[in-house]
Amino acid sequence: MRLRSLIVLGTALLLVSGCTAEPTPNPTGSPSASASATPTATPTPAAVVEPEAAFDVTCDDVAATMADLLGEPATPVEPVLSVVSAMGWLPGPGQHMFQRAGGIACSTGDTERSWEVTIVPDAQAVIAGATERQGFWGEAASCEDGRCGFELPDGDVLLSASVVDPDLGSADTARIEEALRGIAASAASSTREVEYVDSEIVGAPCERFLTPEQVNAAFGVSDAALFTDFGGWGIPAEVYEVVNGSRICYFKSAGSEYEGSSYLMLTTLPAGAWAFEKRDGDPVEVEGADAAKASTGEHGDNILDMRVGLDWIRMVTFDNGAGAADPAPLAETVARNLTVGHTAPE
């Protein structure tokens, strides 16, 4: 199975880039001589449509299997990556990375009991990339001391799963593995080509969105530095950064990534407008953005999600003891950088 690229065009969706040539229109025929020209129809922007999975397995199927194994979950099963014991750059665009890649992510639970199952197509390419970056160590299936982990390739799909339940131990490994292999086999036997909505921000460097100098100017500081390497790798990182071409851009004071002041984190989901529309938040105006929503995190952070064309960009500022800065001014800078381009330095 391969994802078929679908480049989205339309006057409302074209992003101007200093390093990307504009597409050349294809002629549709020669105009005939006429006393009056026929009006040209205005192009209709592409609809915001959720990606199609590249196989027939759904989160309902996964939830039914997991309920048979573990009992009914205490919280609803969500079609996103879990934020329980998750990477520091979740929640946000990254929770939907597997859908963007033609796969699924399903999760439920809390810190005491939880499970998460992901399935991604083009497994061989994903595994090869993650292995090269020391983020995949082969098939795995184990349960020890209430924690289970599984990496189960099958044909053109890779199923990854984690389960946290204090009642589970090594004796449970085989039955859970068997059930998960059944899910993987169903996905592998039903793979198909699906459309992949392209985006001009796929693989874009962080500087395309913001520069440390722009962060300095907005926050009235002089030591902002950009961090893009965070140690460790895994299948989620491979899917997010390589398959999706998404970015994690962390601006903080220079030095170690674990010390000093945190200014801003920016994460993206190319062609992620469908997921943006699902997010909660108070609608706000951001010049240059098609839509924006503001919210707050559980640690006092300020969150601004915005849609520019079909792309979703999230900006988070952190509470360093004196409250979190308003990300709106920098959101306007990001929108301008993406739609108009960076202003020349003075």
Foldseek 3Di string as FASTA:
>chain_A
DDAAEDEWDFPQFDWDDPPDDDDDDDDPDDDDDDPDDDDDDHDDGDDQDFAAAQFDDDLVNVQVLVCVQPNHAPFDKDFFADPAPDDPPDDDPLRCLQSLQRWTKIKDDHNAWIKIKIKHFQVVVLQVVCVVVVADDDFDWAFAQQKIWTWDDDAGMIMTMIIGHRVDHRVSRVVVVVSVVVSNVNRNVGGDYTYNYDFPLQLPDPVLQPDQVRLCVVVVHDFKDWDFDDDHDYSSNSSQCPVQSKGWIWIAGDDDPVDHATFKIKIKGGLQQNVVVVDDACWDDAPLFPTKGWDADPQQKIWIWTHRNRMIMIMIFHCPPPGTDDCRVSNNVSSCSGRPRDDDDD
